[in-house]
Amino acid sequence: METITFSPAQVHVFNLVSHIKSAVGLEHLRQQLAAFYAKQVDDEMDALWESGQFDDKRLKELRGSHFRTPYTK
């Protein structure tokens, strides 16, 4: 059987979420995590825009694109 090793960050999160006792608390955590990751994406996009790697031209090229994996039945 394989042993799972958790990172210090994972252990810290496990300890924090062990104190959540209600659905309301869980929903607040979900909202906070979503806001955290949305800010990371915004910051990365801002950096790409400022560096010139992403611009209006590239945005227009990507408009309407679909990148999901096509699944066939």
N, C-alpha and C. Protein backbone atom coordinates (compact mmCIF):
# COMPACT_ATOMS: atom_id res chain seq x y z
N MET A 1 0.84 -1.19 0.00
CA MET A 1 0.00 0.00 0.00
C MET A 1 0.88 1.24 0.00
N GLU A 2 0.48 2.22 -0.76
CA GLU A 2 1.24 3.45 -0.93
C GLU A 2 0.97 4.42 0.22
N THR A 3 2.04 5.03 0.74
CA THR A 3 1.92 6.01 1.80
C THR A 3 1.72 7.39 1.19
N ILE A 4 0.78 8.14 1.73
CA ILE A 4 0.53 9.51 1.26
C ILE A 4 1.23 10.47 2.21
N THR A 5 2.02 11.36 1.63
CA THR A 5 2.71 12.38 2.42
C THR A 5 2.10 13.74 2.09
N PHE A 6 1.65 14.44 3.11
CA PHE A 6 1.05 15.74 2.91
C PHE A 6 2.09 16.83 3.10
N SER A 7 1.95 17.89 2.32
CA SER A 7 2.85 19.04 2.45
C SER A 7 2.46 19.82 3.70
N PRO A 8 3.35 20.68 4.19
CA PRO A 8 2.99 21.51 5.34
C PRO A 8 1.75 22.37 5.07
N ALA A 9 1.58 22.85 3.84
CA ALA A 9 0.40 23.65 3.51
C ALA A 9 -0.88 22.82 3.63
N GLN A 10 -0.82 21.57 3.16
CA GLN A 10 -1.99 20.70 3.23
C GLN A 10 -2.36 20.42 4.69
N VAL A 11 -1.37 20.15 5.51
CA VAL A 11 -1.62 19.88 6.94
C VAL A 11 -2.25 21.11 7.59
N HIS A 12 -1.74 22.28 7.25
CA HIS A 12 -2.27 23.52 7.81
C HIS A 12 -3.74 23.69 7.41
N VAL A 13 -4.07 23.47 6.15
CA VAL A 13 -5.45 23.60 5.69
C VAL A 13 -6.35 22.57 6.38
N PHE A 14 -5.87 21.33 6.51
CA PHE A 14 -6.65 20.31 7.22
C PHE A 14 -6.96 20.75 8.64
N ASN A 15 -5.96 21.30 9.31
CA ASN A 15 -6.18 21.76 10.69
C ASN A 15 -7.18 22.90 10.74
N LEU A 16 -7.12 23.81 9.78
CA LEU A 16 -8.06 24.93 9.77
C LEU A 16 -9.49 24.47 9.49
N VAL A 17 -9.68 23.61 8.50
CA VAL A 17 -11.03 23.21 8.13
C VAL A 17 -11.66 22.27 9.16
N SER A 18 -10.84 21.71 10.03
CA SER A 18 -11.42 20.85 11.07
C SER A 18 -12.29 21.64 12.03
N HIS A 19 -12.16 22.97 12.02
CA HIS A 19 -12.96 23.82 12.90
C HIS A 19 -14.28 24.25 12.27
N ILE A 20 -14.48 23.95 11.00
CA ILE A 20 -15.74 24.31 10.33
C ILE A 20 -16.81 23.30 10.76
N LYS A 21 -17.87 23.81 11.34
CA LYS A 21 -18.90 22.93 11.89
C LYS A 21 -20.26 23.08 11.22
N SER A 22 -20.38 23.98 10.25
CA SER A 22 -21.70 24.20 9.65
C SER A 22 -21.58 24.37 8.14
N ALA A 23 -22.71 24.24 7.47
CA ALA A 23 -22.77 24.45 6.02
C ALA A 23 -22.45 25.90 5.68
N VAL A 24 -22.84 26.81 6.55
CA VAL A 24 -22.56 28.24 6.32
C VAL A 24 -21.05 28.48 6.37
N GLY A 25 -20.39 27.88 7.33
CA GLY A 25 -18.94 28.01 7.43
C GLY A 25 -18.24 27.44 6.21
N LEU A 26 -18.72 26.30 5.73
CA LEU A 26 -18.16 25.69 4.53
C LEU A 26 -18.35 26.59 3.32
N GLU A 27 -19.53 27.20 3.20
CA GLU A 27 -19.80 28.10 2.07
C GLU A 27 -18.90 29.32 2.13
N HIS A 28 -18.67 29.85 3.32
CA HIS A 28 -17.75 30.99 3.44
C HIS A 28 -16.35 30.59 3.01
N LEU A 29 -15.91 29.40 3.37
CA LEU A 29 -14.59 28.92 2.95
C LEU A 29 -14.53 28.80 1.43
N ARG A 30 -15.56 28.25 0.83
CA ARG A 30 -15.59 28.12 -0.64
C ARG A 30 -15.49 29.48 -1.31
N GLN A 31 -16.22 30.46 -0.77
CA GLN A 31 -16.18 31.81 -1.34
C GLN A 31 -14.78 32.42 -1.21
N GLN A 32 -14.15 32.21 -0.07
CA GLN A 32 -12.80 32.74 0.14
C GLN A 32 -11.79 32.09 -0.79
N LEU A 33 -11.90 30.79 -0.97
CA LEU A 33 -10.98 30.09 -1.87
C LEU A 33 -11.19 30.53 -3.32
N ALA A 34 -12.45 30.71 -3.71
CA ALA A 34 -12.73 31.17 -5.07
C ALA A 34 -12.16 32.56 -5.29
N ALA A 35 -12.31 33.45 -4.30
CA ALA A 35 -11.77 34.80 -4.41
C ALA A 35 -10.24 34.78 -4.47
N PHE A 36 -9.63 33.90 -3.70
CA PHE A 36 -8.17 33.77 -3.69
C PHE A 36 -7.66 33.36 -5.07
N TYR A 37 -8.26 32.34 -5.66
CA TYR A 37 -7.81 31.87 -6.97
C TYR A 37 -8.16 32.86 -8.08
N ALA A 38 -9.29 33.54 -7.96
CA ALA A 38 -9.64 34.56 -8.96
C ALA A 38 -8.62 35.69 -8.93
N LYS A 39 -8.17 36.08 -7.76
CA LYS A 39 -7.16 37.14 -7.66
C LYS A 39 -5.85 36.67 -8.28
N GLN A 40 -5.48 35.42 -8.07
CA GLN A 40 -4.24 34.90 -8.68
C GLN A 40 -4.33 34.95 -10.20
N VAL A 41 -5.46 34.57 -10.74
CA VAL A 41 -5.65 34.60 -12.20
C VAL A 41 -5.59 36.05 -12.69
N ASP A 42 -6.27 36.96 -12.00
CA ASP A 42 -6.24 38.37 -12.38
C ASP A 42 -4.82 38.92 -12.36
N ASP A 43 -4.07 38.60 -11.31
CA ASP A 43 -2.70 39.08 -11.20
C ASP A 43 -1.83 38.54 -12.34
N GLU A 44 -2.00 37.27 -12.67
CA GLU A 44 -1.22 36.66 -13.75
C GLU A 44 -1.59 37.28 -15.10
N MET A 45 -2.88 37.50 -15.32
CA MET A 45 -3.30 38.13 -16.58
C MET A 45 -2.77 39.56 -16.67
N ASP A 46 -2.78 40.28 -15.56
CA ASP A 46 -2.22 41.63 -15.56
C ASP A 46 -0.74 41.61 -15.92
N ALA A 47 -0.01 40.64 -15.37
CA ALA A 47 1.42 40.52 -15.67
C ALA A 47 1.64 40.19 -17.15
N LEU A 48 0.82 39.29 -17.70
CA LEU A 48 0.94 38.95 -19.12
C LEU A 48 0.63 40.16 -20.00
N TRP A 49 -0.38 40.93 -19.62
CA TRP A 49 -0.79 42.11 -20.39
C TRP A 49 0.34 43.15 -20.35
N GLU A 50 0.90 43.39 -19.15
CA GLU A 50 1.95 44.39 -19.01
C GLU A 50 3.23 43.98 -19.74
N SER A 51 3.50 42.68 -19.82
CA SER A 51 4.72 42.21 -20.50
C SER A 51 4.55 42.18 -22.01
N GLY A 52 3.31 42.32 -22.48
CA GLY A 52 3.05 42.29 -23.92
C GLY A 52 2.80 40.89 -24.47
N GLN A 53 2.80 39.88 -23.60
CA GLN A 53 2.53 38.52 -24.06
C GLN A 53 1.05 38.31 -24.37
N PHE A 54 0.21 39.18 -23.86
CA PHE A 54 -1.22 39.11 -24.10
C PHE A 54 -1.70 40.53 -24.38
N ASP A 55 -2.50 40.69 -25.44
CA ASP A 55 -2.97 42.02 -25.80
C ASP A 55 -4.33 41.90 -26.49
N ASP A 56 -4.84 43.05 -26.95
CA ASP A 56 -6.16 43.06 -27.60
C ASP A 56 -6.21 42.13 -28.81
N LYS A 57 -5.13 42.10 -29.57
CA LYS A 57 -5.10 41.25 -30.76
C LYS A 57 -5.27 39.78 -30.37
N ARG A 58 -4.51 39.34 -29.38
CA ARG A 58 -4.60 37.94 -28.93
C ARG A 58 -5.97 37.65 -28.34
N LEU A 59 -6.53 38.61 -27.61
CA LEU A 59 -7.85 38.44 -27.03
C LEU A 59 -8.89 38.22 -28.12
N LYS A 60 -8.82 39.01 -29.20
CA LYS A 60 -9.76 38.86 -30.30
C LYS A 60 -9.57 37.52 -31.01
N GLU A 61 -8.33 37.04 -31.11
CA GLU A 61 -8.06 35.74 -31.72
C GLU A 61 -8.71 34.61 -30.92
N LEU A 62 -8.71 34.74 -29.61
CA LEU A 62 -9.23 33.69 -28.74
C LEU A 62 -10.74 33.74 -28.56
N ARG A 63 -11.35 34.87 -28.89
CA ARG A 63 -12.79 35.03 -28.69
C ARG A 63 -13.54 33.95 -29.47
N GLY A 64 -14.41 33.25 -28.81
CA GLY A 64 -15.21 32.22 -29.45
C GLY A 64 -14.53 30.86 -29.55
N SER A 65 -13.27 30.77 -29.06
CA SER A 65 -12.56 29.49 -29.12
C SER A 65 -13.09 28.53 -28.07
N HIS A 66 -12.98 27.26 -28.38
CA HIS A 66 -13.38 26.21 -27.44
C HIS A 66 -12.21 25.27 -27.26
N PHE A 67 -11.75 25.12 -26.04
CA PHE A 67 -10.57 24.32 -25.75
C PHE A 67 -10.89 23.07 -24.94
N ARG A 68 -12.13 22.75 -24.76
CA ARG A 68 -12.49 21.55 -24.00
C ARG A 68 -12.16 20.32 -24.82
N THR A 69 -11.86 19.26 -24.12
CA THR A 69 -11.57 17.99 -24.78
C THR A 69 -12.83 17.45 -25.40
N PRO A 70 -12.80 17.15 -26.70
CA PRO A 70 -14.00 16.59 -27.32
C PRO A 70 -14.18 15.13 -26.90
N TYR A 71 -15.33 14.81 -26.44
CA TYR A 71 -15.64 13.44 -26.03
C TYR A 71 -16.58 12.83 -27.05
N THR A 72 -16.23 11.66 -27.51
CA THR A 72 -17.09 10.97 -28.47
C THR A 72 -17.75 9.81 -27.78
N LYS A 73 -18.96 9.52 -28.18
CA LYS A 73 -19.70 8.41 -27.56
C LYS A 73 -19.60 7.17 -28.40
